[in-house]
Each structure stands twice: as C-alpha cells, then as structure tokens.
C-alpha cells in the first residue's frame, strides 16, 4: 500500500514519505508534492482573510527538497487592488529550501459570460496507462501518480498527458482541487522529457501556475511543450486542463546540464 505524500506530526510539521521521491536522487523530493503542500497552507490562510480563490502562484526551488520533515510558514500581505498576496516558505531544519508568492482573489461573481472552450479535452484512456521511465528507484512520485497520455508520448517535445493522484497529499485528508493541480503541474517537463535523461538533466528552479477558473475533478491535464537550447537554457510551457476544459497555464524555467 502506498503512503500519502506527507504525514502531519504533532508539532505542526510534515514528514515526507518515499512517495515524494523524485527522479534525480533517492534522498530528494519531486517538486510537485512540496509545492502542493505549500499551496495547502497558503489556501487556508487566504481563505481566513476572505480571499479564497488562487489566481497565480510562483515557486522558487532554492535547493533540492530533501525527503525529511518540512515546516511551512505562510503570511498574508495587506490587501491591494482587490487581491491578497500570500508569501510562504518551506524550511528543513531551519534552512529555507522553497519560497512562494501567491495571488488570491475574493472570487465574487460578476455578470459576464464565461469564455467557451475552443476544443474539448481529449479522453482519458485508462486502458493504456504508463509510468515515468526515468525514475531510478522502485517507489516515488512516479508510483504515487497515475499517468495516461492522450496525445504524443514520452520523449516528444509536445504532448498531452493526464495525471491523477493515487495517494492523499497529507495523511488521509481529501486534497483540494488546487492541491491536485499543483502536485501535477511541476511535471510539464517530465511528461515531455524531450531530452534523453541518460544524457542530460533538465531541472526547473522555479514553477509558476496561473489559473483562470477553479479546477474540478481528480484528473489534471498537461498540454506541455518543452524547448531546450545548446546554451543550457530551456523552458517548459504547459496549458493546464480539468476534466471539463482548460483551467490555466504553468511555466517552468529549465537548467539543462549533462547527466
């Protein structure tokens, strides 16, 4: 039986499990689980100050996040132009490993017509599931997430993949819709993986997610495109989908290095 990504402890911290393990080291997490854990704290704080709707969040991954006990600290900034900014940071043994700035709105209804989806999302083909092939350990993020390609395949620069959590984020707690999105959104470069992972690494030191609507459903669609240059720079751009249609965009700066 797979563990949740994190277990809450009695002192307000969260102990990462092997389900968070990323592809590059047996001791470090994939970026998705700690990003979702951070948004969990940011959402709760934003809700308490009357701004429950996430509009945009940007993470800076300052260093590899170890599979260890994390402390998440969040602080609401003064209201400005109808939005609230929430700052957060993730600490491991007192050292900051990740920071984030989120933009939250009140989500008040307005009398405008919603923009229709230009195309319907592709179907989720449960008969042909797959798994990230570049994880080198038997248990990790790749086993805690379900992955199905709807267009393209691993190793191509432009794909559409559906992802779904197999385990809760924290203990047996039901994840929020935004938490589901953030667990998956850091995989834009992973579902494309246009470079041979045996030859080059393509780690992202940041992640930005902007949402135009509240997501729904368990599945998150990643319509991702990855570009890399001989200069060592790269970019993964992802259109994010819910089961009913497009919900926003994700962006990852990539640092490309020889493996």
Protein backbone atom coordinates (compact mmCIF):
# COMPACT_ATOMS: atom_id res chain seq x y z
CA UNK A 1 0.00 0.00 0.00
CA UNK A 2 1.37 3.41 -0.97
CA UNK A 3 1.91 6.08 1.66
CA UNK A 4 0.48 9.59 1.39
CA UNK A 5 2.98 12.18 0.25
CA UNK A 6 3.23 13.62 3.78
CA UNK A 7 2.28 12.76 7.33
CA UNK A 8 1.47 15.59 9.73
CA UNK A 9 3.28 15.45 13.06
CA UNK A 10 2.25 16.70 16.49
CA UNK A 11 4.34 19.87 16.23
CA UNK A 12 2.90 21.42 13.08
CA UNK A 13 5.38 19.89 10.66
CA UNK A 14 5.04 17.39 7.84
CA UNK A 15 7.19 14.31 7.36
CA UNK A 16 7.75 13.42 3.72
CA UNK A 17 7.39 9.78 2.70
CA UNK A 18 9.01 7.82 -0.11
CA UNK A 19 6.01 8.74 -2.30
CA UNK A 20 7.56 12.21 -2.74
CA UNK A 21 10.84 10.86 -4.17
CA UNK A 22 11.95 12.47 -7.42
CA UNK A 23 13.97 11.10 -10.35
CA UNK A 24 17.38 12.62 -9.68
CA UNK A 25 18.28 11.42 -6.16
CA UNK A 26 16.94 8.83 -3.69
CA UNK A 27 17.09 11.49 -0.97
CA UNK A 28 15.24 14.38 -2.65
CA UNK A 29 11.63 15.10 -3.47
CA UNK A 30 9.94 15.77 -6.77
CA UNK A 31 8.85 19.42 -6.87
CA UNK A 32 5.12 18.66 -7.09
CA UNK A 33 4.39 17.39 -3.56
CA UNK A 34 6.13 20.22 -1.63
CA UNK A 35 4.56 22.78 -3.98
CA UNK A 36 1.11 21.36 -3.25
CA UNK A 37 1.86 21.25 0.49
CA UNK A 38 2.85 24.92 0.37
CA UNK A 39 -0.33 25.86 -1.50
CA UNK A 40 -2.33 23.95 1.11
CA UNK A 41 -1.06 26.35 3.78
CA UNK A 42 -1.48 29.39 1.51
CA UNK A 43 -5.05 28.48 0.61
CA UNK A 44 -6.05 28.05 4.24
CA UNK A 45 -4.59 31.41 5.21
CA UNK A 46 -6.08 33.19 2.19
CA UNK A 47 -9.49 31.70 2.95
CA UNK A 48 -9.33 33.06 6.51
CA UNK A 49 -8.81 36.63 5.22
CA UNK A 50 -11.63 36.44 2.67
CA UNK A 51 -9.63 35.70 -0.48
CA UNK A 52 -10.23 32.00 -1.18
CA UNK A 53 -9.53 31.86 -4.93
CA UNK A 54 -5.98 31.21 -6.15
CA UNK A 55 -5.18 33.28 -9.23
CA UNK A 56 -1.44 32.79 -9.55
CA UNK A 57 1.41 31.26 -7.57
CA UNK A 58 5.16 31.30 -8.23
CA UNK A 59 7.63 29.00 -6.51
CA UNK A 60 11.37 29.31 -6.27
CA UNK A 61 13.06 26.00 -5.55
CA UNK A 62 16.16 27.28 -3.77
CA UNK A 63 17.77 23.87 -3.33
CA UNK A 64 16.73 20.22 -3.64
CA UNK A 65 13.99 19.48 -1.11
CA UNK A 66 15.06 16.50 1.00
CA UNK A 67 12.77 13.65 1.97
CA UNK A 68 12.59 14.89 5.54
CA UNK A 69 10.43 16.86 7.95
CA UNK A 70 9.16 20.13 6.45
CA UNK A 71 7.79 23.23 8.14
CA UNK A 72 5.59 25.52 6.02
CA UNK A 73 5.19 29.16 7.07
CA UNK A 74 2.66 31.45 5.37
CA UNK A 75 1.96 35.16 5.80
CA UNK A 76 -0.82 37.30 4.29
CA UNK A 77 0.19 40.70 2.93
CA UNK A 78 -2.06 43.81 3.07
CA UNK A 79 -4.90 43.88 0.56
CA UNK A 80 -4.23 45.73 -2.67
CA UNK A 81 -6.38 46.27 -5.78
CA UNK A 82 -8.90 43.68 -4.65
CA UNK A 83 -6.38 40.87 -4.19
CA UNK A 84 -4.33 39.43 -1.35
CA UNK A 85 -0.77 38.28 -1.69
CA UNK A 86 0.33 35.39 0.46
CA UNK A 87 4.01 34.71 0.99
CA UNK A 88 5.20 31.28 2.08
CA UNK A 89 8.41 29.45 2.71
CA UNK A 90 9.38 25.85 3.36
CA UNK A 91 12.01 25.06 5.97
CA UNK A 92 14.05 21.94 6.67
CA UNK A 93 15.89 22.06 9.99
CA UNK A 94 15.58 25.85 9.91
CA UNK A 95 17.01 26.24 6.39
CA UNK A 96 14.80 27.66 3.64
CA UNK A 97 14.51 25.28 0.68
CA UNK A 98 11.50 26.73 -1.17
CA UNK A 99 9.60 30.00 -1.21
CA UNK A 100 6.38 31.07 -2.90
CA UNK A 101 4.23 34.11 -3.60
CA UNK A 102 0.54 33.56 -4.28
CA UNK A 103 -2.08 35.96 -5.60
CA UNK A 104 -5.56 35.29 -4.23
CA UNK A 105 -8.92 36.90 -5.01
CA UNK A 106 -12.29 37.01 -3.33
CA UNK A 107 -13.91 35.17 -6.23
CA UNK A 108 -17.03 37.37 -6.25
CA UNK A 109 -19.46 36.56 -9.10
CA UNK A 110 -19.72 39.14 -11.90
CA UNK A 111 -22.24 39.45 -14.70
CA UNK A 112 -20.06 38.35 -17.61
CA UNK A 113 -20.27 35.39 -19.95
CA UNK A 114 -17.67 32.70 -19.46
CA UNK A 115 -15.41 32.18 -22.45
CA UNK A 116 -16.29 28.86 -24.08
CA UNK A 117 -13.65 26.21 -24.52
CA UNK A 118 -12.33 26.22 -28.07
CA UNK A 119 -11.88 22.45 -28.04
CA UNK A 120 -12.96 19.65 -25.76
CA UNK A 121 -10.31 17.93 -23.64
CA UNK A 122 -9.10 14.63 -25.08
CA UNK A 123 -10.43 11.45 -23.46
CA UNK A 124 -8.67 9.73 -20.59
CA UNK A 125 -7.62 6.33 -21.92
CA UNK A 126 -7.47 4.17 -18.81
CA UNK A 127 -6.72 1.09 -20.89
CA UNK A 128 -3.23 2.38 -21.71
CA UNK A 129 -1.67 3.77 -18.52
CA UNK A 130 2.05 4.43 -18.39
CA UNK A 131 4.73 5.44 -15.91
CA UNK A 132 7.64 7.86 -15.97
CA UNK A 133 10.58 5.73 -17.19
CA UNK A 134 13.40 7.90 -15.83
CA UNK A 135 12.81 7.30 -12.10
CA UNK A 136 15.58 5.04 -10.83
CA UNK A 137 14.01 3.79 -7.59
CA UNK A 138 11.02 1.48 -7.17
CA UNK A 139 8.92 3.85 -5.02
CA UNK A 140 8.46 7.55 -5.59
CA UNK A 141 6.37 10.25 -7.18
CA UNK A 142 6.08 8.10 -10.31
CA UNK A 143 4.27 5.33 -8.38
CA UNK A 144 2.13 7.79 -6.37
CA UNK A 145 0.74 9.40 -9.55
CA UNK A 146 -1.28 7.85 -12.35
CA UNK A 147 -0.20 8.89 -15.85
CA UNK A 148 -2.04 8.49 -19.17
CA UNK A 149 -1.03 10.03 -22.50
CA UNK A 150 -3.82 11.42 -24.67
CA UNK A 151 -1.57 12.82 -27.40
CA UNK A 152 2.07 12.12 -28.12
CA UNK A 153 4.31 10.04 -25.89
CA UNK A 154 7.23 10.30 -23.52
CA UNK A 155 10.30 11.76 -25.23
CA UNK A 156 8.38 14.04 -27.60
CA UNK A 157 8.61 17.82 -27.27
CA UNK A 158 4.84 18.39 -27.37
CA UNK A 159 2.33 16.11 -25.62
CA UNK A 160 -0.99 15.97 -23.78
CA UNK A 161 -0.94 13.83 -20.63
CA UNK A 162 -3.48 13.26 -17.87
CA UNK A 163 -2.32 12.80 -14.27
CA UNK A 164 -4.16 11.78 -11.11
CA UNK A 165 -3.06 11.35 -7.50
CA UNK A 166 -3.06 7.77 -6.28
CA UNK A 167 -2.45 8.88 -2.68
CA UNK A 168 -3.58 11.80 -0.50
CA UNK A 169 -1.30 14.79 -0.01
CA UNK A 170 -1.44 14.71 3.81
CA UNK A 171 -2.49 11.65 5.82
CA UNK A 172 -5.99 10.59 4.72
CA UNK A 173 -7.14 14.17 4.02
CA UNK A 174 -9.00 14.81 0.77
CA UNK A 175 -6.88 17.18 -1.35
CA UNK A 176 -8.36 20.45 -2.58
CA UNK A 177 -8.77 20.96 -6.33
CA UNK A 178 -5.84 23.39 -6.36
CA UNK A 179 -3.62 20.94 -4.48
CA UNK A 180 -4.37 18.35 -7.16
CA UNK A 181 -3.28 20.80 -9.84
CA UNK A 182 -0.04 21.74 -8.07
CA UNK A 183 1.01 18.13 -7.48
CA UNK A 184 0.85 17.59 -11.24
CA UNK A 185 1.88 21.00 -12.64
CA UNK A 186 5.57 20.55 -11.89
CA UNK A 187 5.58 17.62 -14.34
CA UNK A 188 5.31 19.69 -17.51
CA UNK A 189 8.97 18.99 -18.31
CA UNK A 190 8.61 15.39 -17.12
CA UNK A 191 5.77 14.34 -19.40
CA UNK A 192 7.60 15.73 -22.43
CA UNK A 193 11.21 14.91 -21.48
CA UNK A 194 12.34 15.83 -24.98
CA UNK A 195 15.98 15.27 -23.97
CA UNK A 196 17.43 11.85 -23.27
CA UNK A 197 17.51 11.72 -19.47
CA UNK A 198 20.53 9.39 -19.65
CA UNK A 199 22.50 12.14 -21.36
CA UNK A 200 21.13 15.37 -19.86
CA UNK A 201 19.21 16.60 -16.85
CA UNK A 202 16.57 19.34 -17.20
CA UNK A 203 15.81 20.54 -13.68
CA UNK A 204 13.49 23.50 -13.08
CA UNK A 205 14.47 26.01 -10.36
CA UNK A 206 11.03 27.61 -10.44
CA UNK A 207 7.37 26.98 -11.23
CA UNK A 208 4.56 29.43 -11.98
CA UNK A 209 0.91 28.41 -12.17
CA UNK A 210 -1.85 30.83 -13.20
CA UNK A 211 -5.49 29.75 -13.01
CA UNK A 212 -8.44 31.29 -14.83
CA UNK A 213 -11.04 29.06 -13.19
CA UNK A 214 -11.45 26.80 -10.20
CA UNK A 215 -10.46 23.28 -11.30
CA UNK A 216 -12.72 20.29 -10.85
CA UNK A 217 -12.30 16.54 -10.97
CA UNK A 218 -9.45 14.26 -9.96
CA UNK A 219 -7.59 14.34 -13.27
CA UNK A 220 -5.28 17.19 -14.31
CA UNK A 221 -4.38 17.57 -17.97
CA UNK A 222 -0.92 18.77 -19.01
CA UNK A 223 -0.72 20.02 -22.58
CA UNK A 224 3.01 20.55 -22.41
CA UNK A 225 5.75 21.76 -24.72
CA UNK A 226 9.44 21.68 -23.83
CA UNK A 227 12.18 23.68 -25.55
CA UNK A 228 15.90 23.44 -24.81
CA UNK A 229 18.88 25.27 -26.26
CA UNK A 230 22.62 24.45 -26.57
CA UNK A 231 23.21 27.43 -24.25
CA UNK A 232 21.88 25.31 -21.37
CA UNK A 233 18.61 27.22 -21.12
CA UNK A 234 15.18 25.71 -21.51
CA UNK A 235 11.51 26.30 -20.94
CA UNK A 236 8.52 24.04 -20.36
CA UNK A 237 5.19 25.69 -21.09
CA UNK A 238 2.04 23.83 -20.06
CA UNK A 239 -1.60 24.52 -20.71
CA UNK A 240 -3.46 23.08 -17.73
CA UNK A 241 -6.78 21.29 -18.12
CA UNK A 242 -9.51 19.99 -15.88
CA UNK A 243 -11.91 17.29 -16.89
CA UNK A 244 -14.36 19.95 -18.15
CA UNK A 245 -11.90 22.13 -20.07
CA UNK A 246 -8.85 24.42 -19.82
CA UNK A 247 -8.15 25.98 -16.42
CA UNK A 248 -4.84 27.83 -16.72
CA UNK A 249 -1.15 27.68 -17.53
CA UNK A 250 2.10 26.52 -15.99
CA UNK A 251 5.64 27.66 -16.74
CA UNK A 252 8.99 26.18 -15.75
CA UNK A 253 12.43 27.60 -16.41
CA UNK A 254 14.85 24.77 -17.14
CA UNK A 255 18.54 24.42 -16.40
CA UNK A 256 19.98 21.87 -18.85
CA UNK A 257 23.15 20.00 -17.90
CA UNK A 258 25.00 16.91 -18.98
CA UNK A 259 23.98 13.95 -16.86
